[in-house]
Amino acid sequence: MKTYSFRKDLIGVQEELLRFAYKLTSDKEEANDLLQETSLKALDNEDKYMPDTNFKGWMYTIMRNIFINNYRKIIREQTFLDHTDNLYHLNLPQDLGVTGSEGVYDLKEMHHIVNSLPSDYKVPFSMHVSGFKYREIAEYLGLPLGTVKSRIFFTRKRLQRELKDFV
């Protein structure tokens, strides 16, 4: 009888969960996929649900956690980690957007300044310029978030100071 009651409750919250899924994803197909994944996870973990507790809240929590985990997975898959010895890929200019010879000289000078930095400053700055978020850099390098932010800040200040003649 417990299973029947659980499944009845599950069917009863489907419409509300679908609306919540749509709010999270802003896409009808993704919302349907999220609802299906949430329902499946709830059925798989039926034994962990405590009767006489907030079933709807339990389901919303499952859905939110699945959404967050899927989002993090997508971000991780889009993140590029440069494992080359000299961080060759991180130091490559992505889109120069420079047409004149003066701009190229500034860029060469910037690369020279960044490459002359100790790796404690060069690596976090290069990762940040490549699009990594502070938290991702901190986790990857095993450093406190504040340390990463200050190293990037000091590197920016040094670049500004040393490139002031080129501006």
N, C-alpha and C. Protein backbone atom coordinates (compact mmCIF):
# COMPACT_ATOMS: atom_id res chain seq x y z
N MET A 1 0.82 -1.20 0.00
CA MET A 1 0.00 0.00 0.00
C MET A 1 0.86 1.26 0.00
N LYS A 2 2.03 1.17 0.62
CA LYS A 2 2.95 2.31 0.67
C LYS A 2 3.34 2.75 -0.74
N THR A 3 3.64 1.79 -1.62
CA THR A 3 4.05 2.09 -2.98
C THR A 3 2.93 2.77 -3.75
N TYR A 4 1.70 2.32 -3.55
CA TYR A 4 0.56 2.92 -4.24
C TYR A 4 0.41 4.39 -3.84
N SER A 5 0.51 4.67 -2.56
CA SER A 5 0.39 6.04 -2.06
C SER A 5 1.51 6.92 -2.60
N PHE A 6 2.72 6.38 -2.63
CA PHE A 6 3.88 7.12 -3.13
C PHE A 6 3.67 7.49 -4.60
N ARG A 7 3.26 6.52 -5.40
CA ARG A 7 3.08 6.77 -6.83
C ARG A 7 1.91 7.72 -7.09
N LYS A 8 0.89 7.64 -6.27
CA LYS A 8 -0.25 8.57 -6.39
C LYS A 8 0.23 10.00 -6.11
N ASP A 9 1.04 10.16 -5.06
CA ASP A 9 1.59 11.48 -4.75
C ASP A 9 2.50 11.97 -5.88
N LEU A 10 3.28 11.06 -6.42
CA LEU A 10 4.20 11.41 -7.51
C LEU A 10 3.42 11.92 -8.73
N ILE A 11 2.36 11.23 -9.08
CA ILE A 11 1.55 11.65 -10.23
C ILE A 11 0.86 12.98 -9.93
N GLY A 12 0.49 13.19 -8.69
CA GLY A 12 -0.19 14.42 -8.29
C GLY A 12 0.65 15.68 -8.40
N VAL A 13 1.96 15.57 -8.32
CA VAL A 13 2.83 16.76 -8.38
C VAL A 13 3.48 16.96 -9.75
N GLN A 14 3.16 16.13 -10.71
CA GLN A 14 3.80 16.20 -12.02
C GLN A 14 3.63 17.56 -12.71
N GLU A 15 2.42 18.11 -12.68
CA GLU A 15 2.18 19.40 -13.35
C GLU A 15 2.99 20.53 -12.71
N GLU A 16 3.01 20.56 -11.38
CA GLU A 16 3.77 21.60 -10.68
C GLU A 16 5.27 21.43 -10.94
N LEU A 17 5.72 20.19 -10.94
CA LEU A 17 7.14 19.94 -11.19
C LEU A 17 7.53 20.34 -12.61
N LEU A 18 6.62 20.12 -13.56
CA LEU A 18 6.90 20.50 -14.94
C LEU A 18 7.03 22.02 -15.06
N ARG A 19 6.18 22.76 -14.36
CA ARG A 19 6.29 24.22 -14.38
C ARG A 19 7.61 24.67 -13.76
N PHE A 20 7.98 24.03 -12.65
CA PHE A 20 9.25 24.36 -12.00
C PHE A 20 10.43 24.03 -12.92
N ALA A 21 10.35 22.88 -13.58
CA ALA A 21 11.42 22.48 -14.51
C ALA A 21 11.54 23.48 -15.66
N TYR A 22 10.40 23.97 -16.13
CA TYR A 22 10.44 24.95 -17.22
C TYR A 22 11.05 26.27 -16.75
N LYS A 23 10.77 26.64 -15.50
CA LYS A 23 11.39 27.86 -14.94
C LYS A 23 12.91 27.71 -14.88
N LEU A 24 13.37 26.51 -14.54
CA LEU A 24 14.80 26.28 -14.43
C LEU A 24 15.49 26.25 -15.79
N THR A 25 14.86 25.60 -16.76
CA THR A 25 15.53 25.35 -18.04
C THR A 25 15.16 26.33 -19.14
N SER A 26 13.97 26.91 -19.08
CA SER A 26 13.46 27.81 -20.13
C SER A 26 13.36 27.12 -21.49
N ASP A 27 13.21 25.82 -21.47
CA ASP A 27 13.09 25.05 -22.71
C ASP A 27 12.15 23.88 -22.44
N LYS A 28 11.15 23.72 -23.30
CA LYS A 28 10.11 22.70 -23.06
C LYS A 28 10.69 21.29 -23.07
N GLU A 29 11.54 20.99 -24.04
CA GLU A 29 12.13 19.64 -24.12
C GLU A 29 13.03 19.34 -22.92
N GLU A 30 13.86 20.31 -22.55
CA GLU A 30 14.73 20.11 -21.40
C GLU A 30 13.92 19.98 -20.12
N ALA A 31 12.82 20.73 -20.03
CA ALA A 31 11.96 20.64 -18.85
C ALA A 31 11.34 19.25 -18.75
N ASN A 32 10.90 18.71 -19.88
CA ASN A 32 10.34 17.35 -19.88
C ASN A 32 11.40 16.32 -19.49
N ASP A 33 12.62 16.49 -19.99
CA ASP A 33 13.70 15.58 -19.63
C ASP A 33 14.01 15.66 -18.14
N LEU A 34 14.04 16.87 -17.61
CA LEU A 34 14.31 17.07 -16.19
C LEU A 34 13.21 16.45 -15.34
N LEU A 35 11.96 16.60 -15.74
CA LEU A 35 10.84 16.00 -15.02
C LEU A 35 10.95 14.48 -15.03
N GLN A 36 11.28 13.93 -16.17
CA GLN A 36 11.42 12.48 -16.28
C GLN A 36 12.56 11.96 -15.40
N GLU A 37 13.69 12.65 -15.45
CA GLU A 37 14.83 12.25 -14.63
C GLU A 37 14.52 12.36 -13.14
N THR A 38 13.79 13.40 -12.77
CA THR A 38 13.40 13.59 -11.37
C THR A 38 12.46 12.48 -10.92
N SER A 39 11.47 12.17 -11.74
CA SER A 39 10.52 11.11 -11.38
C SER A 39 11.22 9.78 -11.25
N LEU A 40 12.13 9.49 -12.16
CA LEU A 40 12.88 8.24 -12.11
C LEU A 40 13.73 8.15 -10.84
N LYS A 41 14.39 9.24 -10.50
CA LYS A 41 15.22 9.26 -9.30
C LYS A 41 14.35 9.08 -8.05
N ALA A 42 13.18 9.71 -8.03
CA ALA A 42 12.27 9.56 -6.90
C ALA A 42 11.82 8.11 -6.77
N LEU A 43 11.49 7.48 -7.89
CA LEU A 43 11.07 6.08 -7.85
C LEU A 43 12.20 5.17 -7.38
N ASP A 44 13.41 5.47 -7.82
CA ASP A 44 14.57 4.67 -7.41
C ASP A 44 14.86 4.82 -5.92
N ASN A 45 14.52 5.98 -5.36
CA ASN A 45 14.82 6.27 -3.96
C ASN A 45 13.56 6.31 -3.08
N GLU A 46 12.54 5.61 -3.52
CA GLU A 46 11.28 5.59 -2.78
C GLU A 46 11.48 5.15 -1.33
N ASP A 47 12.37 4.22 -1.12
CA ASP A 47 12.61 3.70 0.24
C ASP A 47 13.24 4.75 1.16
N LYS A 48 13.83 5.80 0.60
CA LYS A 48 14.45 6.85 1.41
C LYS A 48 13.46 7.94 1.82
N TYR A 49 12.29 7.95 1.19
CA TYR A 49 11.28 8.95 1.53
C TYR A 49 10.62 8.56 2.85
N MET A 50 10.53 9.53 3.75
CA MET A 50 9.90 9.32 5.05
C MET A 50 8.42 9.71 4.96
N PRO A 51 7.52 8.77 5.18
CA PRO A 51 6.09 9.11 5.13
C PRO A 51 5.76 10.23 6.12
N ASP A 52 4.71 10.93 5.85
CA ASP A 52 4.23 12.04 6.68
C ASP A 52 5.21 13.22 6.70
N THR A 53 6.02 13.35 5.66
CA THR A 53 6.86 14.53 5.50
C THR A 53 6.41 15.24 4.23
N ASN A 54 7.01 16.35 3.91
CA ASN A 54 6.62 17.17 2.78
C ASN A 54 7.08 16.52 1.47
N PHE A 55 6.18 15.78 0.84
CA PHE A 55 6.51 15.06 -0.38
C PHE A 55 6.87 16.03 -1.50
N LYS A 56 6.09 17.11 -1.64
CA LYS A 56 6.34 18.07 -2.73
C LYS A 56 7.71 18.74 -2.55
N GLY A 57 8.05 19.09 -1.33
CA GLY A 57 9.36 19.69 -1.06
C GLY A 57 10.49 18.73 -1.38
N TRP A 58 10.28 17.45 -1.07
CA TRP A 58 11.27 16.41 -1.36
C TRP A 58 11.49 16.32 -2.87
N MET A 59 10.40 16.37 -3.64
CA MET A 59 10.49 16.28 -5.09
C MET A 59 11.17 17.52 -5.69
N TYR A 60 10.82 18.70 -5.17
CA TYR A 60 11.45 19.93 -5.65
C TYR A 60 12.96 19.90 -5.37
N THR A 61 13.34 19.38 -4.22
CA THR A 61 14.76 19.29 -3.89
C THR A 61 15.49 18.36 -4.84
N ILE A 62 14.87 17.22 -5.13
CA ILE A 62 15.48 16.27 -6.09
C ILE A 62 15.67 16.96 -7.44
N MET A 63 14.63 17.65 -7.90
CA MET A 63 14.71 18.30 -9.22
C MET A 63 15.79 19.38 -9.24
N ARG A 64 15.80 20.20 -8.20
CA ARG A 64 16.79 21.28 -8.14
C ARG A 64 18.21 20.71 -8.15
N ASN A 65 18.44 19.65 -7.37
CA ASN A 65 19.77 19.05 -7.31
C ASN A 65 20.18 18.43 -8.65
N ILE A 66 19.25 17.79 -9.32
CA ILE A 66 19.55 17.23 -10.65
C ILE A 66 19.91 18.35 -11.61
N PHE A 67 19.13 19.44 -11.58
CA PHE A 67 19.40 20.57 -12.47
C PHE A 67 20.79 21.15 -12.21
N ILE A 68 21.12 21.35 -10.93
CA ILE A 68 22.43 21.92 -10.58
C ILE A 68 23.55 20.99 -11.02
N ASN A 69 23.40 19.70 -10.77
CA ASN A 69 24.44 18.74 -11.16
C ASN A 69 24.62 18.71 -12.67
N ASN A 70 23.52 18.75 -13.42
CA ASN A 70 23.61 18.76 -14.88
C ASN A 70 24.29 20.04 -15.37
N TYR A 71 23.96 21.17 -14.75
CA TYR A 71 24.58 22.45 -15.12
C TYR A 71 26.09 22.40 -14.87
N ARG A 72 26.47 21.90 -13.71
CA ARG A 72 27.90 21.80 -13.39
C ARG A 72 28.62 20.87 -14.36
N LYS A 73 27.96 19.80 -14.75
CA LYS A 73 28.56 18.86 -15.70
C LYS A 73 28.79 19.54 -17.05
N ILE A 74 27.83 20.32 -17.49
CA ILE A 74 27.97 21.04 -18.76
C ILE A 74 29.12 22.03 -18.69
N ILE A 75 29.21 22.77 -17.58
CA ILE A 75 30.30 23.74 -17.41
C ILE A 75 31.64 23.02 -17.41
N ARG A 76 31.72 21.90 -16.69
CA ARG A 76 32.98 21.14 -16.65
C ARG A 76 33.39 20.66 -18.03
N GLU A 77 32.42 20.22 -18.83
CA GLU A 77 32.71 19.72 -20.17
C GLU A 77 33.19 20.84 -21.09
N GLN A 78 32.75 22.07 -20.82
CA GLN A 78 33.15 23.20 -21.66
C GLN A 78 34.45 23.83 -21.19
N THR A 79 34.96 23.40 -20.06
CA THR A 79 36.16 23.98 -19.50
C THR A 79 37.38 23.32 -20.12
N PHE A 80 38.31 24.14 -20.56
CA PHE A 80 39.54 23.65 -21.18
C PHE A 80 40.67 23.76 -20.17
N LEU A 81 41.32 22.65 -19.90
CA LEU A 81 42.48 22.65 -19.02
C LEU A 81 43.72 22.43 -19.86
N ASP A 82 44.68 23.31 -19.70
CA ASP A 82 45.93 23.22 -20.45
C ASP A 82 46.93 22.42 -19.64
N HIS A 83 47.25 21.23 -20.12
CA HIS A 83 48.19 20.37 -19.40
C HIS A 83 49.58 20.37 -20.03
N THR A 84 49.82 21.29 -20.96
CA THR A 84 51.14 21.35 -21.57
C THR A 84 52.12 21.93 -20.55
N ASP A 85 53.40 21.59 -20.71
CA ASP A 85 54.42 22.01 -19.74
C ASP A 85 54.52 23.53 -19.59
N ASN A 86 54.46 24.25 -20.68
CA ASN A 86 54.66 25.70 -20.61
C ASN A 86 53.35 26.47 -20.79
N LEU A 87 52.23 25.80 -20.58
CA LEU A 87 50.90 26.42 -20.73
C LEU A 87 50.75 27.07 -22.10
N TYR A 88 51.20 26.38 -23.13
CA TYR A 88 51.20 26.90 -24.49
C TYR A 88 49.81 27.37 -24.92
N HIS A 89 48.79 26.54 -24.67
CA HIS A 89 47.44 26.88 -25.14
C HIS A 89 46.87 28.08 -24.39
N LEU A 90 47.18 28.20 -23.11
CA LEU A 90 46.67 29.35 -22.35
C LEU A 90 47.32 30.65 -22.78
N ASN A 91 48.53 30.57 -23.29
CA ASN A 91 49.25 31.78 -23.68
C ASN A 91 49.01 32.17 -25.13
N LEU A 92 48.26 31.35 -25.86
CA LEU A 92 47.94 31.70 -27.24
C LEU A 92 46.87 32.78 -27.25
N PRO A 93 47.05 33.81 -28.05
CA PRO A 93 45.99 34.81 -28.15
C PRO A 93 44.79 34.20 -28.86
N GLN A 94 43.59 34.35 -28.30
CA GLN A 94 42.39 33.75 -28.87
C GLN A 94 41.87 34.59 -30.03
N ASP A 95 41.66 35.86 -29.79
CA ASP A 95 41.17 36.75 -30.83
C ASP A 95 41.87 38.09 -30.63
N LEU A 96 42.84 38.32 -31.45
CA LEU A 96 43.65 39.51 -31.25
C LEU A 96 42.84 40.78 -31.45
N GLY A 97 42.03 40.83 -32.49
CA GLY A 97 41.26 42.03 -32.76
C GLY A 97 42.14 43.23 -33.02
N VAL A 98 43.40 43.01 -33.39
CA VAL A 98 44.36 44.09 -33.58
C VAL A 98 44.79 44.07 -35.04
N THR A 99 44.79 45.25 -35.64
CA THR A 99 45.19 45.30 -37.05
C THR A 99 46.50 46.03 -37.25
N GLY A 100 46.78 47.02 -36.43
CA GLY A 100 47.99 47.81 -36.61
C GLY A 100 49.20 47.17 -35.96
N SER A 101 50.38 47.62 -36.36
CA SER A 101 51.61 47.06 -35.78
C SER A 101 51.79 47.48 -34.34
N GLU A 102 51.25 48.64 -33.94
CA GLU A 102 51.37 49.09 -32.57
C GLU A 102 50.64 48.14 -31.62
N GLY A 103 49.45 47.69 -32.02
CA GLY A 103 48.68 46.77 -31.20
C GLY A 103 49.41 45.44 -31.02
N VAL A 104 50.05 44.96 -32.07
CA VAL A 104 50.79 43.72 -31.97
C VAL A 104 51.97 43.89 -31.02
N TYR A 105 52.61 45.03 -31.07
CA TYR A 105 53.73 45.28 -30.17
C TYR A 105 53.25 45.29 -28.73
N ASP A 106 52.09 45.91 -28.48
CA ASP A 106 51.53 45.91 -27.13
C ASP A 106 51.24 44.49 -26.67
N LEU A 107 50.70 43.68 -27.56
CA LEU A 107 50.36 42.31 -27.22
C LEU A 107 51.63 41.50 -26.93
N LYS A 108 52.66 41.71 -27.75
CA LYS A 108 53.93 41.02 -27.50
C LYS A 108 54.50 41.45 -26.16
N GLU A 109 54.40 42.73 -25.87
CA GLU A 109 54.91 43.24 -24.59
C GLU A 109 54.11 42.64 -23.43
N MET A 110 52.78 42.55 -23.61
CA MET A 110 51.95 41.94 -22.56
C MET A 110 52.36 40.49 -22.32
N HIS A 111 52.54 39.74 -23.39
CA HIS A 111 52.96 38.34 -23.25
C HIS A 111 54.32 38.26 -22.55
N HIS A 112 55.20 39.17 -22.91
CA HIS A 112 56.53 39.18 -22.28
C HIS A 112 56.40 39.44 -20.78
N ILE A 113 55.58 40.40 -20.41
CA ILE A 113 55.40 40.73 -18.98
C ILE A 113 54.76 39.55 -18.24
N VAL A 114 53.70 38.99 -18.82
CA VAL A 114 53.01 37.87 -18.15
C VAL A 114 53.95 36.67 -18.04
N ASN A 115 54.70 36.39 -19.10
CA ASN A 115 55.60 35.23 -19.05
C ASN A 115 56.78 35.43 -18.11
N SER A 116 57.09 36.69 -17.79
CA SER A 116 58.19 36.94 -16.86
C SER A 116 57.75 36.80 -15.40
N LEU A 117 56.46 36.68 -15.18
CA LEU A 117 55.94 36.54 -13.82
C LEU A 117 56.24 35.15 -13.26
N PRO A 118 56.32 35.04 -11.95
CA PRO A 118 56.43 33.70 -11.35
C PRO A 118 55.15 32.92 -11.66
N SER A 119 55.26 31.61 -11.75
CA SER A 119 54.10 30.79 -12.13
C SER A 119 52.95 30.93 -11.14
N ASP A 120 53.24 31.29 -9.89
CA ASP A 120 52.17 31.50 -8.91
C ASP A 120 51.21 32.60 -9.36
N TYR A 121 51.70 33.56 -10.15
CA TYR A 121 50.87 34.65 -10.65
C TYR A 121 50.45 34.41 -12.10
N LYS A 122 51.35 33.85 -12.88
CA LYS A 122 51.09 33.66 -14.31
C LYS A 122 49.95 32.67 -14.55
N VAL A 123 49.94 31.54 -13.85
CA VAL A 123 48.95 30.50 -14.10
C VAL A 123 47.53 30.98 -13.78
N PRO A 124 47.28 31.54 -12.58
CA PRO A 124 45.92 32.01 -12.32
C PRO A 124 45.46 33.11 -13.29
N PHE A 125 46.38 34.03 -13.63
CA PHE A 125 46.03 35.10 -14.55
C PHE A 125 45.70 34.55 -15.93
N SER A 126 46.51 33.63 -16.43
CA SER A 126 46.28 33.03 -17.75
C SER A 126 44.96 32.28 -17.77
N MET A 127 44.66 31.57 -16.70
CA MET A 127 43.39 30.84 -16.63
C MET A 127 42.21 31.82 -16.62
N HIS A 128 42.36 32.91 -15.89
CA HIS A 128 41.28 33.90 -15.81
C HIS A 128 41.04 34.55 -17.17
N VAL A 129 42.11 34.90 -17.86
CA VAL A 129 41.99 35.50 -19.18
C VAL A 129 41.35 34.52 -20.16
N SER A 130 41.57 33.23 -19.95
CA SER A 130 40.99 32.21 -20.83
C SER A 130 39.53 31.92 -20.53
N GLY A 131 39.00 32.54 -19.48
CA GLY A 131 37.57 32.37 -19.22
C GLY A 131 37.20 31.60 -17.98
N PHE A 132 38.19 31.13 -17.24
CA PHE A 132 37.88 30.41 -16.00
C PHE A 132 37.36 31.40 -14.97
N LYS A 133 36.47 30.93 -14.13
CA LYS A 133 35.98 31.74 -13.03
C LYS A 133 36.93 31.61 -11.85
N TYR A 134 36.91 32.59 -10.96
CA TYR A 134 37.82 32.57 -9.81
C TYR A 134 37.72 31.26 -9.03
N ARG A 135 36.50 30.84 -8.77
CA ARG A 135 36.29 29.62 -7.98
C ARG A 135 36.87 28.39 -8.69
N GLU A 136 36.70 28.31 -10.00
CA GLU A 136 37.25 27.18 -10.76
C GLU A 136 38.78 27.17 -10.68
N ILE A 137 39.37 28.34 -10.77
CA ILE A 137 40.84 28.43 -10.69
C ILE A 137 41.30 28.00 -9.31
N ALA A 138 40.60 28.47 -8.28
CA ALA A 138 40.97 28.13 -6.90
C ALA A 138 40.89 26.62 -6.68
N GLU A 139 39.83 26.00 -7.17
CA GLU A 139 39.68 24.55 -7.00
C GLU A 139 40.76 23.80 -7.77
N TYR A 140 41.02 24.22 -9.01
CA TYR A 140 42.00 23.53 -9.85
C TYR A 140 43.40 23.62 -9.24
N LEU A 141 43.74 24.80 -8.73
CA LEU A 141 45.09 25.00 -8.18
C LEU A 141 45.18 24.66 -6.70
N GLY A 142 44.06 24.40 -6.06
CA GLY A 142 44.06 24.06 -4.65
C GLY A 142 44.44 25.24 -3.77
N LEU A 143 43.99 26.43 -4.15
CA LEU A 143 44.31 27.65 -3.41
C LEU A 143 43.04 28.27 -2.85
N PRO A 144 43.16 29.07 -1.80
CA PRO A 144 41.99 29.80 -1.32
C PRO A 144 41.52 30.81 -2.38
N LEU A 145 40.22 31.05 -2.41
CA LEU A 145 39.64 31.95 -3.40
C LEU A 145 40.25 33.35 -3.32
N GLY A 146 40.46 33.86 -2.10
CA GLY A 146 41.04 35.19 -1.92
C GLY A 146 42.45 35.29 -2.49
N THR A 147 43.22 34.22 -2.36
CA THR A 147 44.59 34.21 -2.90
C THR A 147 44.56 34.32 -4.42
N VAL A 148 43.65 33.58 -5.04
CA VAL A 148 43.54 33.63 -6.50
C VAL A 148 43.14 35.03 -6.95
N LYS A 149 42.15 35.62 -6.29
CA LYS A 149 41.69 36.96 -6.67
C LYS A 149 42.81 37.99 -6.51
N SER A 150 43.56 37.91 -5.41
CA SER A 150 44.62 38.90 -5.20
C SER A 150 45.75 38.72 -6.21
N ARG A 151 46.08 37.49 -6.56
CA ARG A 151 47.15 37.28 -7.55
C ARG A 151 46.75 37.82 -8.92
N ILE A 152 45.51 37.63 -9.29
CA ILE A 152 45.03 38.16 -10.57
C ILE A 152 45.01 39.69 -10.52
N PHE A 153 44.58 40.25 -9.40
CA PHE A 153 44.55 41.70 -9.23
C PHE A 153 45.96 42.29 -9.34
N PHE A 154 46.93 41.68 -8.63
CA PHE A 154 48.29 42.20 -8.67
C PHE A 154 48.90 42.06 -10.06
N THR A 155 48.56 41.00 -10.78
CA THR A 155 49.05 40.84 -12.15
C THR A 155 48.47 41.93 -13.05
N ARG A 156 47.20 42.21 -12.90
CA ARG A 156 46.58 43.30 -13.69
C ARG A 156 47.25 44.64 -13.41
N LYS A 157 47.46 44.91 -12.13
CA LYS A 157 48.11 46.18 -11.76
C LYS A 157 49.51 46.28 -12.35
N ARG A 158 50.23 45.18 -12.32
CA ARG A 158 51.58 45.19 -12.89
C ARG A 158 51.54 45.44 -14.39
N LEU A 159 50.59 44.79 -15.09
CA LEU A 159 50.44 45.03 -16.52
C LEU A 159 50.11 46.49 -16.80
N GLN A 160 49.21 47.06 -16.04
CA GLN A 160 48.86 48.47 -16.23
C GLN A 160 50.06 49.38 -16.02
N ARG A 161 50.81 49.08 -14.99
CA ARG A 161 51.98 49.91 -14.65
C ARG A 161 53.04 49.81 -15.75
N GLU A 162 53.31 48.61 -16.21
CA GLU A 162 54.38 48.43 -17.19
C GLU A 162 53.97 48.77 -18.62
N LEU A 163 52.66 48.80 -18.88
CA LEU A 163 52.20 49.12 -20.25
C LEU A 163 51.70 50.55 -20.38
N LYS A 164 51.84 51.37 -19.35
CA LYS A 164 51.31 52.73 -19.40
C LYS A 164 51.94 53.55 -20.52
N ASP A 165 53.16 53.24 -20.92
CA ASP A 165 53.82 54.00 -21.99
C ASP A 165 53.25 53.65 -23.37
N PHE A 166 52.59 52.49 -23.48
CA PHE A 166 52.09 52.05 -24.78
C PHE A 166 50.67 52.54 -25.05
N VAL A 167 50.00 53.05 -24.04
CA VAL A 167 48.60 53.45 -24.21
C VAL A 167 48.49 54.80 -24.84
